[in-house]
Amino acid sequence: MKKTLLTAVSLAVLAAGSAFAADLPSRKEAPVYVPPPPPPPMWTGFYAGVNIGGGWDAGNGNGNAWNLFGANGGVTNNMSGGVVGGGQVGYNYQITPMFLVGVETDFQGTSMGSGMNNNNWLWGWNGRAQGTSLDWFGTVRGRAGVTITPTLLVYGTGGFAYAGVQRNGGFQTSATQTGWTAGGGVEWMFMPNWSAKAEYLYTDVSGGGTNNWWFQNNAGLGLNSTNNHTRWNTIRAGVNYHFNFGAGAPVIAKY
């Protein structure tokens, strides 16, 4: 009898344990954490924009007191300041989250220039001293920069420059001059696909035209050859739209 009772109790305990175990949640392996892919490079891609600013002369003229005609040189070979404005297109490639390289070309119209001075007969043809005007200029430049934050870029830039220059030495003369430019700036990605920039450039071009021998051949009576370099400074602000073809809109980090 005792055996039968003990067996019955054992079976009951086993059945109760099985039922309790069935009620317990089953143990499953924790899901493996997969980090999200990094956002696409914010600055990589094509862009285009507009800019406006100002420019002023960076030349010191020519101190040759015996350049009687004043053409293509002379002591008044300077420009007055003026407004500069135009557009730019370019491409950036973000090598690492911190370093960026790129190329940019721009074209600018300007109001920089000075008229002729009729007050000093010594320096010009028929009593006129020379004035210089910069009608337009363009550049093709490389860029290299560092991202101080993901949205703030500081860069240096330099390359080829060309410009339409007019000079008055009793005759109206014009030429397309070529040379170099260099400078730097800062650019801020203030919202997806849009950035604002501020930039400084120093530009030095020279050379004469083929349609006017007065300009090309440094006409004038002089003890020394005249200087036909045209040099100026430019400060401008602009805005760019970044196309980011195939990469989606850049992610703007919050701080």
C-alpha atoms as a PDB file:
ATOM      1  CA  MET A   1       0.000   0.000   0.000  1.00  0.00           C
ATOM      2  CA  LYS A   2       2.806   2.318   0.946  1.00  0.00           C
ATOM      3  CA  LYS A   3       4.551   1.500  -2.329  1.00  0.00           C
ATOM      4  CA  THR A   4       1.452   2.317  -4.312  1.00  0.00           C
ATOM      5  CA  LEU A   5       0.975   5.607  -2.453  1.00  0.00           C
ATOM      6  CA  LEU A   6       4.626   6.599  -2.948  1.00  0.00           C
ATOM      7  CA  THR A   7       4.426   5.856  -6.666  1.00  0.00           C
ATOM      8  CA  ALA A   8       1.252   7.900  -7.004  1.00  0.00           C
ATOM      9  CA  VAL A   9       2.843  10.864  -5.177  1.00  0.00           C
ATOM     10  CA  SER A  10       5.956  10.680  -7.375  1.00  0.00           C
ATOM     11  CA  LEU A  11       3.884  10.672 -10.540  1.00  0.00           C
ATOM     12  CA  ALA A  12       1.893  13.646  -9.311  1.00  0.00           C
ATOM     13  CA  VAL A  13       5.074  15.619  -8.517  1.00  0.00           C
ATOM     14  CA  LEU A  14       6.525  14.845 -11.967  1.00  0.00           C
ATOM     15  CA  ALA A  15       3.316  15.901 -13.680  1.00  0.00           C
ATOM     16  CA  ALA A  16       3.182  19.156 -11.703  1.00  0.00           C
ATOM     17  CA  GLY A  17       6.855  19.885 -12.549  1.00  0.00           C
ATOM     18  CA  SER A  18       6.242  19.282 -16.230  1.00  0.00           C
ATOM     19  CA  ALA A  19       3.222  21.593 -16.192  1.00  0.00           C
ATOM     20  CA  PHE A  20       5.228  24.355 -14.386  1.00  0.00           C
ATOM     21  CA  ALA A  21       8.096  24.000 -16.853  1.00  0.00           C
ATOM     22  CA  ALA A  22       5.689  24.304 -19.749  1.00  0.00           C
ATOM     23  CA  ASP A  23       4.474  27.615 -18.325  1.00  0.00           C
ATOM     24  CA  LEU A  24       8.000  29.087 -18.168  1.00  0.00           C
ATOM     25  CA  PRO A  25       9.089  31.267 -21.150  1.00  0.00           C
ATOM     26  CA  SER A  26      11.453  29.488 -23.473  1.00  0.00           C
ATOM     27  CA  ARG A  27      15.046  30.730 -23.589  1.00  0.00           C
ATOM     28  CA  LYS A  28      15.963  32.280 -26.948  1.00  0.00           C
ATOM     29  CA  GLU A  29      19.268  33.717 -28.120  1.00  0.00           C
ATOM     30  CA  ALA A  30      19.497  37.520 -27.955  1.00  0.00           C
ATOM     31  CA  PRO A  31      19.383  39.183 -31.411  1.00  0.00           C
ATOM     32  CA  VAL A  32      22.755  40.144 -32.865  1.00  0.00           C
ATOM     33  CA  TYR A  33      23.202  43.956 -32.986  1.00  0.00           C
ATOM     34  CA  VAL A  34      23.972  45.209 -36.480  1.00  0.00           C
ATOM     35  CA  PRO A  35      25.110  48.855 -36.492  1.00  0.00           C
ATOM     36  CA  PRO A  36      23.484  51.073 -39.119  1.00  0.00           C
ATOM     37  CA  PRO A  37      25.599  51.915 -42.178  1.00  0.00           C
ATOM     38  CA  PRO A  38      27.499  55.203 -41.947  1.00  0.00           C
ATOM     39  CA  PRO A  39      25.873  58.186 -43.665  1.00  0.00           C
ATOM     40  CA  PRO A  40      27.171  59.006 -47.150  1.00  0.00           C
ATOM     41  CA  PRO A  41      30.017  61.579 -47.287  1.00  0.00           C
ATOM     42  CA  MET A  42      28.382  64.953 -46.784  1.00  0.00           C
ATOM     43  CA  TRP A  43      30.575  66.985 -49.131  1.00  0.00           C
ATOM     44  CA  THR A  44      31.189  64.541 -51.994  1.00  0.00           C
ATOM     45  CA  GLY A  45      29.516  65.450 -55.294  1.00  0.00           C
ATOM     46  CA  PHE A  46      28.852  68.199 -57.803  1.00  0.00           C
ATOM     47  CA  TYR A  47      27.661  71.648 -56.794  1.00  0.00           C
ATOM     48  CA  ALA A  48      26.755  74.984 -58.385  1.00  0.00           C
ATOM     49  CA  GLY A  49      26.043  78.414 -56.994  1.00  0.00           C
ATOM     50  CA  VAL A  50      26.270  82.187 -57.171  1.00  0.00           C
ATOM     51  CA  ASN A  51      28.385  84.776 -55.387  1.00  0.00           C
ATOM     52  CA  ILE A  52      28.745  88.525 -54.883  1.00  0.00           C
ATOM     53  CA  GLY A  53      31.409  90.671 -53.268  1.00  0.00           C
ATOM     54  CA  GLY A  54      33.974  93.348 -53.900  1.00  0.00           C
ATOM     55  CA  GLY A  55      37.444  93.795 -55.351  1.00  0.00           C
ATOM     56  CA  TRP A  56      40.237  96.317 -55.100  1.00  0.00           C
ATOM     57  CA  ASP A  57      43.578  96.945 -56.754  1.00  0.00           C
ATOM     58  CA  ALA A  58      46.676  95.118 -55.497  1.00  0.00           C
ATOM     59  CA  GLY A  59      49.191  96.621 -57.947  1.00  0.00           C
ATOM     60  CA  ASN A  60      51.636  99.397 -57.132  1.00  0.00           C
ATOM     61  CA  GLY A  61      51.669 100.876 -60.635  1.00  0.00           C
ATOM     62  CA  ASN A  62      54.854 101.666 -62.497  1.00  0.00           C
ATOM     63  CA  GLY A  63      57.167 104.358 -61.189  1.00  0.00           C
ATOM     64  CA  ASN A  64      58.801 105.059 -64.550  1.00  0.00           C
ATOM     65  CA  ALA A  65      58.621 108.854 -64.802  1.00  0.00           C
ATOM     66  CA  TRP A  66      59.699 108.827 -68.461  1.00  0.00           C
ATOM     67  CA  ASN A  67      56.841 106.717 -69.787  1.00  0.00           C
ATOM     68  CA  LEU A  68      55.438 109.729 -71.664  1.00  0.00           C
ATOM     69  CA  PHE A  69      52.601 107.972 -73.451  1.00  0.00           C
ATOM     70  CA  GLY A  70      51.332 106.082 -70.439  1.00  0.00           C
ATOM     71  CA  ALA A  71      50.126 103.224 -72.629  1.00  0.00           C
ATOM     72  CA  ASN A  72      50.407  99.786 -71.019  1.00  0.00           C
ATOM     73  CA  GLY A  73      52.110 101.036 -67.878  1.00  0.00           C
ATOM     74  CA  GLY A  74      53.012 104.342 -66.315  1.00  0.00           C
ATOM     75  CA  VAL A  75      52.628 105.706 -62.828  1.00  0.00           C
ATOM     76  CA  THR A  76      48.825 105.574 -62.928  1.00  0.00           C
ATOM     77  CA  ASN A  77      48.556 101.856 -63.640  1.00  0.00           C
ATOM     78  CA  ASN A  78      46.012 101.281 -60.834  1.00  0.00           C
ATOM     79  CA  MET A  79      42.320 100.400 -60.540  1.00  0.00           C
ATOM     80  CA  SER A  80      39.637 101.657 -58.241  1.00  0.00           C
ATOM     81  CA  GLY A  81      37.567  99.161 -56.278  1.00  0.00           C
ATOM     82  CA  GLY A  82      34.206  97.860 -57.388  1.00  0.00           C
ATOM     83  CA  VAL A  83      31.539  95.201 -57.178  1.00  0.00           C
ATOM     84  CA  VAL A  84      32.302  91.604 -58.201  1.00  0.00           C
ATOM     85  CA  GLY A  85      29.600  89.005 -58.900  1.00  0.00           C
ATOM     86  CA  GLY A  86      29.073  85.773 -60.803  1.00  0.00           C
ATOM     87  CA  GLY A  87      28.658  82.028 -60.512  1.00  0.00           C
ATOM     88  CA  GLN A  88      30.652  78.877 -59.833  1.00  0.00           C
ATOM     89  CA  VAL A  89      30.449  75.133 -60.429  1.00  0.00           C
ATOM     90  CA  GLY A  90      32.625  72.433 -58.948  1.00  0.00           C
ATOM     91  CA  TYR A  91      33.127  68.944 -57.574  1.00  0.00           C
ATOM     92  CA  ASN A  92      34.213  67.823 -54.097  1.00  0.00           C
ATOM     93  CA  TYR A  93      35.576  64.452 -53.018  1.00  0.00           C
ATOM     94  CA  GLN A  94      35.695  63.710 -49.306  1.00  0.00           C
ATOM     95  CA  ILE A  95      38.746  61.453 -48.842  1.00  0.00           C
ATOM     96  CA  THR A  96      38.082  60.908 -45.134  1.00  0.00           C
ATOM     97  CA  PRO A  97      35.547  62.412 -42.713  1.00  0.00           C
ATOM     98  CA  MET A  98      38.154  65.142 -42.099  1.00  0.00           C
ATOM     99  CA  PHE A  99      39.897  65.768 -45.446  1.00  0.00           C
ATOM    100  CA  LEU A 100      38.446  66.941 -48.751  1.00  0.00           C
ATOM    101  CA  VAL A 101      39.778  67.791 -52.221  1.00  0.00           C
ATOM    102  CA  GLY A 102      38.001  69.271 -55.211  1.00  0.00           C
ATOM    103  CA  VAL A 103      38.043  71.477 -58.279  1.00  0.00           C
ATOM    104  CA  GLU A 104      36.071  74.639 -59.024  1.00  0.00           C
ATOM    105  CA  THR A 105      35.638  77.052 -61.923  1.00  0.00           C
ATOM    106  CA  ASP A 106      33.947  80.434 -61.763  1.00  0.00           C
ATOM    107  CA  PHE A 107      33.217  83.443 -63.967  1.00  0.00           C
ATOM    108  CA  GLN A 108      32.817  86.991 -62.627  1.00  0.00           C
ATOM    109  CA  GLY A 109      31.685  90.346 -63.939  1.00  0.00           C
ATOM    110  CA  THR A 110      33.158  93.425 -62.246  1.00  0.00           C
ATOM    111  CA  SER A 111      32.786  97.189 -62.020  1.00  0.00           C
ATOM    112  CA  MET A 112      36.432  97.628 -61.019  1.00  0.00           C
ATOM    113  CA  GLY A 113      38.288 100.322 -62.912  1.00  0.00           C
ATOM    114  CA  SER A 114      39.504 103.883 -63.107  1.00  0.00           C
ATOM    115  CA  GLY A 115      39.159 106.536 -65.740  1.00  0.00           C
ATOM    116  CA  MET A 116      41.851 108.676 -67.296  1.00  0.00           C
ATOM    117  CA  ASN A 117      43.271 111.700 -65.518  1.00  0.00           C
ATOM    118  CA  ASN A 118      43.447 114.894 -67.590  1.00  0.00           C
ATOM    119  CA  ASN A 119      45.358 116.919 -64.995  1.00  0.00           C
ATOM    120  CA  ASN A 120      48.932 115.842 -65.644  1.00  0.00           C
ATOM    121  CA  TRP A 121      50.267 116.330 -69.164  1.00  0.00           C
ATOM    122  CA  LEU A 122      53.566 114.590 -68.423  1.00  0.00           C
ATOM    123  CA  TRP A 123      52.176 111.071 -67.997  1.00  0.00           C
ATOM    124  CA  GLY A 124      49.843 110.597 -70.924  1.00  0.00           C
ATOM    125  CA  TRP A 125      49.113 111.105 -74.565  1.00  0.00           C
ATOM    126  CA  ASN A 126      47.448 114.516 -75.057  1.00  0.00           C
ATOM    127  CA  GLY A 127      47.686 115.231 -71.343  1.00  0.00           C
ATOM    128  CA  ARG A 128      45.949 112.025 -70.223  1.00  0.00           C
ATOM    129  CA  ALA A 129      47.222 109.549 -67.671  1.00  0.00           C
ATOM    130  CA  GLN A 130      46.421 105.880 -67.956  1.00  0.00           C
ATOM    131  CA  GLY A 131      43.404 104.195 -66.354  1.00  0.00           C
ATOM    132  CA  THR A 132      42.835 100.437 -66.001  1.00  0.00           C
ATOM    133  CA  SER A 133      39.493  98.623 -65.988  1.00  0.00           C
ATOM    134  CA  LEU A 134      38.727  94.999 -65.218  1.00  0.00           C
ATOM    135  CA  ASP A 135      35.563  94.028 -67.103  1.00  0.00           C
ATOM    136  CA  TRP A 136      35.458  90.339 -66.196  1.00  0.00           C
ATOM    137  CA  PHE A 137      37.595  87.476 -64.979  1.00  0.00           C
ATOM    138  CA  GLY A 138      37.420  83.738 -64.439  1.00  0.00           C
ATOM    139  CA  THR A 139      39.377  81.055 -62.615  1.00  0.00           C
ATOM    140  CA  VAL A 140      39.923  77.283 -62.674  1.00  0.00           C
ATOM    141  CA  ARG A 141      41.178  76.191 -59.248  1.00  0.00           C
ATOM    142  CA  GLY A 142      41.932  73.185 -57.105  1.00  0.00           C
ATOM    143  CA  ARG A 143      40.617  73.058 -53.547  1.00  0.00           C
ATOM    144  CA  ALA A 144      41.833  71.197 -50.444  1.00  0.00           C
ATOM    145  CA  GLY A 145      40.244  71.503 -47.046  1.00  0.00           C
ATOM    146  CA  VAL A 146      39.642  70.241 -43.533  1.00  0.00           C
ATOM    147  CA  THR A 147      36.246  69.773 -41.889  1.00  0.00           C
ATOM    148  CA  ILE A 148      36.393  71.439 -38.473  1.00  0.00           C
ATOM    149  CA  THR A 149      32.969  69.894 -37.812  1.00  0.00           C
ATOM    150  CA  PRO A 150      31.024  67.668 -40.239  1.00  0.00           C
ATOM    151  CA  THR A 151      29.207  70.758 -41.525  1.00  0.00           C
ATOM    152  CA  LEU A 152      32.037  73.337 -41.442  1.00  0.00           C
ATOM    153  CA  LEU A 153      34.820  73.293 -44.051  1.00  0.00           C
ATOM    154  CA  VAL A 154      37.979  75.426 -44.088  1.00  0.00           C
ATOM    155  CA  TYR A 155      39.915  75.270 -47.369  1.00  0.00           C
ATOM    156  CA  GLY A 156      42.723  76.669 -49.464  1.00  0.00           C
ATOM    157  CA  THR A 157      42.442  77.155 -53.214  1.00  0.00           C
ATOM    158  CA  GLY A 158      44.621  78.116 -56.174  1.00  0.00           C
ATOM    159  CA  GLY A 159      45.060  77.744 -59.913  1.00  0.00           C
ATOM    160  CA  PHE A 160      44.675  79.409 -63.308  1.00  0.00           C
ATOM    161  CA  ALA A 161      43.113  82.858 -63.880  1.00  0.00           C
ATOM    162  CA  TYR A 162      42.142  84.875 -66.962  1.00  0.00           C
ATOM    163  CA  ALA A 163      40.657  88.356 -67.322  1.00  0.00           C
ATOM    164  CA  GLY A 164      39.437  90.994 -69.753  1.00  0.00           C
ATOM    165  CA  VAL A 165      41.441  94.190 -69.121  1.00  0.00           C
ATOM    166  CA  GLN A 166      41.087  97.644 -70.694  1.00  0.00           C
ATOM    167  CA  ARG A 167      43.611 100.466 -70.503  1.00  0.00           C
ATOM    168  CA  ASN A 168      43.568 104.060 -71.668  1.00  0.00           C
ATOM    169  CA  GLY A 169      46.793 105.740 -72.714  1.00  0.00           C
ATOM    170  CA  GLY A 170      45.228 108.233 -75.058  1.00  0.00           C
ATOM    171  CA  PHE A 171      43.963 105.150 -76.944  1.00  0.00           C
ATOM    172  CA  GLN A 172      41.406 102.588 -75.736  1.00  0.00           C
ATOM    173  CA  THR A 173      43.222  99.260 -75.523  1.00  0.00           C
ATOM    174  CA  SER A 174      42.002  95.842 -74.418  1.00  0.00           C
ATOM    175  CA  ALA A 175      43.366  92.349 -73.964  1.00  0.00           C
ATOM    176  CA  THR A 176      42.639  88.991 -72.401  1.00  0.00           C
ATOM    177  CA  GLN A 177      45.364  88.442 -69.829  1.00  0.00           C
ATOM    178  CA  THR A 178      46.230  85.164 -68.098  1.00  0.00           C
ATOM    179  CA  GLY A 179      47.966  84.267 -64.868  1.00  0.00           C
ATOM    180  CA  TRP A 180      47.302  82.719 -61.474  1.00  0.00           C
ATOM    181  CA  THR A 181      45.156  83.082 -58.381  1.00  0.00           C
ATOM    182  CA  ALA A 182      45.300  81.797 -54.795  1.00  0.00           C
ATOM    183  CA  GLY A 183      43.352  82.214 -51.595  1.00  0.00           C
ATOM    184  CA  GLY A 184      41.115  80.423 -49.143  1.00  0.00           C
ATOM    185  CA  GLY A 185      37.765  80.399 -47.468  1.00  0.00           C
ATOM    186  CA  VAL A 186      35.224  78.797 -45.190  1.00  0.00           C
ATOM    187  CA  GLU A 187      32.026  76.956 -46.179  1.00  0.00           C
ATOM    188  CA  TRP A 188      29.101  75.911 -43.971  1.00  0.00           C
ATOM    189  CA  MET A 189      26.521  73.229 -44.827  1.00  0.00           C
ATOM    190  CA  PHE A 190      23.572  74.949 -43.141  1.00  0.00           C
ATOM    191  CA  MET A 191      20.886  72.528 -44.377  1.00  0.00           C
ATOM    192  CA  PRO A 192      20.713  69.381 -46.547  1.00  0.00           C
ATOM    193  CA  ASN A 193      22.198  70.110 -49.997  1.00  0.00           C
ATOM    194  CA  TRP A 194      22.791  73.819 -49.238  1.00  0.00           C
ATOM    195  CA  SER A 195      25.970  75.582 -48.141  1.00  0.00           C
ATOM    196  CA  ALA A 196      27.110  79.186 -47.689  1.00  0.00           C
ATOM    197  CA  LYS A 197      30.696  80.341 -48.155  1.00  0.00           C
ATOM    198  CA  ALA A 198      33.019  83.321 -47.721  1.00  0.00           C
ATOM    199  CA  GLU A 199      36.216  83.460 -49.793  1.00  0.00           C
ATOM    200  CA  TYR A 200      39.294  85.589 -50.454  1.00  0.00           C
ATOM    201  CA  LEU A 201      41.382  85.489 -53.667  1.00  0.00           C
ATOM    202  CA  TYR A 202      44.532  87.277 -54.817  1.00  0.00           C
ATOM    203  CA  THR A 203      44.878  87.335 -58.614  1.00  0.00           C
ATOM    204  CA  ASP A 204      47.782  88.296 -60.891  1.00  0.00           C
ATOM    205  CA  VAL A 205      47.416  88.267 -64.696  1.00  0.00           C
ATOM    206  CA  SER A 206      49.551  89.702 -67.490  1.00  0.00           C
ATOM    207  CA  GLY A 207      50.064  89.684 -71.248  1.00  0.00           C
ATOM    208  CA  GLY A 208      48.869  91.755 -74.170  1.00  0.00           C
ATOM    209  CA  GLY A 209      46.299  91.464 -76.902  1.00  0.00           C
ATOM    210  CA  THR A 210      46.917  90.788 -80.559  1.00  0.00           C
ATOM    211  CA  ASN A 211      44.574  93.489 -81.851  1.00  0.00           C
ATOM    212  CA  ASN A 212      46.394  96.573 -80.567  1.00  0.00           C
ATOM    213  CA  TRP A 213      50.133  97.033 -80.724  1.00  0.00           C
ATOM    214  CA  TRP A 214      50.007  99.809 -78.142  1.00  0.00           C
ATOM    215  CA  PHE A 215      48.934  97.281 -75.499  1.00  0.00           C
ATOM    216  CA  GLN A 216      50.968  94.347 -76.679  1.00  0.00           C
ATOM    217  CA  ASN A 217      54.303  96.041 -77.242  1.00  0.00           C
ATOM    218  CA  ASN A 218      54.459  98.311 -74.173  1.00  0.00           C
ATOM    219  CA  ALA A 219      54.295 101.534 -76.173  1.00  0.00           C
ATOM    220  CA  GLY A 220      55.819 104.640 -74.602  1.00  0.00           C
ATOM    221  CA  LEU A 221      59.103 106.446 -74.193  1.00  0.00           C
ATOM    222  CA  GLY A 222      60.783 105.013 -71.130  1.00  0.00           C
ATOM    223  CA  LEU A 223      64.021 104.379 -69.366  1.00  0.00           C
ATOM    224  CA  ASN A 224      62.681 100.970 -68.285  1.00  0.00           C
ATOM    225  CA  SER A 225      60.187  98.560 -69.785  1.00  0.00           C
ATOM    226  CA  THR A 226      56.639  99.091 -68.532  1.00  0.00           C
ATOM    227  CA  ASN A 227      54.696  96.688 -66.351  1.00  0.00           C
ATOM    228  CA  ASN A 228      51.493  95.246 -67.792  1.00  0.00           C
ATOM    229  CA  HIS A 229      50.584  93.041 -64.817  1.00  0.00           C
ATOM    230  CA  THR A 230      47.078  93.469 -63.467  1.00  0.00           C
ATOM    231  CA  ARG A 231      46.686  92.473 -59.810  1.00  0.00           C
ATOM    232  CA  TRP A 232      43.691  92.641 -57.508  1.00  0.00           C
ATOM    233  CA  ASN A 233      42.113  91.287 -54.323  1.00  0.00           C
ATOM    234  CA  THR A 234      38.627  89.804 -54.141  1.00  0.00           C
ATOM    235  CA  ILE A 235      36.389  89.070 -51.150  1.00  0.00           C
ATOM    236  CA  ARG A 236      33.044  87.444 -51.894  1.00  0.00           C
ATOM    237  CA  ALA A 237      30.202  85.535 -50.272  1.00  0.00           C
ATOM    238  CA  GLY A 238      28.153  82.875 -52.004  1.00  0.00           C
ATOM    239  CA  VAL A 239      25.707  80.008 -51.745  1.00  0.00           C
ATOM    240  CA  ASN A 240      25.997  76.529 -53.315  1.00  0.00           C
ATOM    241  CA  TYR A 241      23.514  73.761 -54.039  1.00  0.00           C
ATOM    242  CA  HIS A 242      25.042  70.246 -53.687  1.00  0.00           C
ATOM    243  CA  PHE A 243      23.482  67.698 -56.033  1.00  0.00           C
ATOM    244  CA  ASN A 244      24.729  64.468 -54.344  1.00  0.00           C
ATOM    245  CA  PHE A 245      23.615  62.312 -57.281  1.00  0.00           C
ATOM    246  CA  GLY A 246      22.714  58.812 -56.099  1.00  0.00           C
ATOM    247  CA  ALA A 247      23.741  59.431 -52.493  1.00  0.00           C
ATOM    248  CA  GLY A 248      20.594  60.979 -51.084  1.00  0.00           C
ATOM    249  CA  ALA A 249      20.492  64.171 -49.081  1.00  0.00           C
ATOM    250  CA  PRO A 250      23.449  64.621 -46.728  1.00  0.00           C
ATOM    251  CA  VAL A 251      22.787  64.126 -43.024  1.00  0.00           C
ATOM    252  CA  ILE A 252      23.318  67.306 -41.044  1.00  0.00           C
ATOM    253  CA  ALA A 253      24.814  66.585 -37.630  1.00  0.00           C
ATOM    254  CA  LYS A 254      23.348  68.383 -34.621  1.00  0.00           C
ATOM    255  CA  TYR A 255      25.496  69.880 -31.887  1.00  0.00           C
END
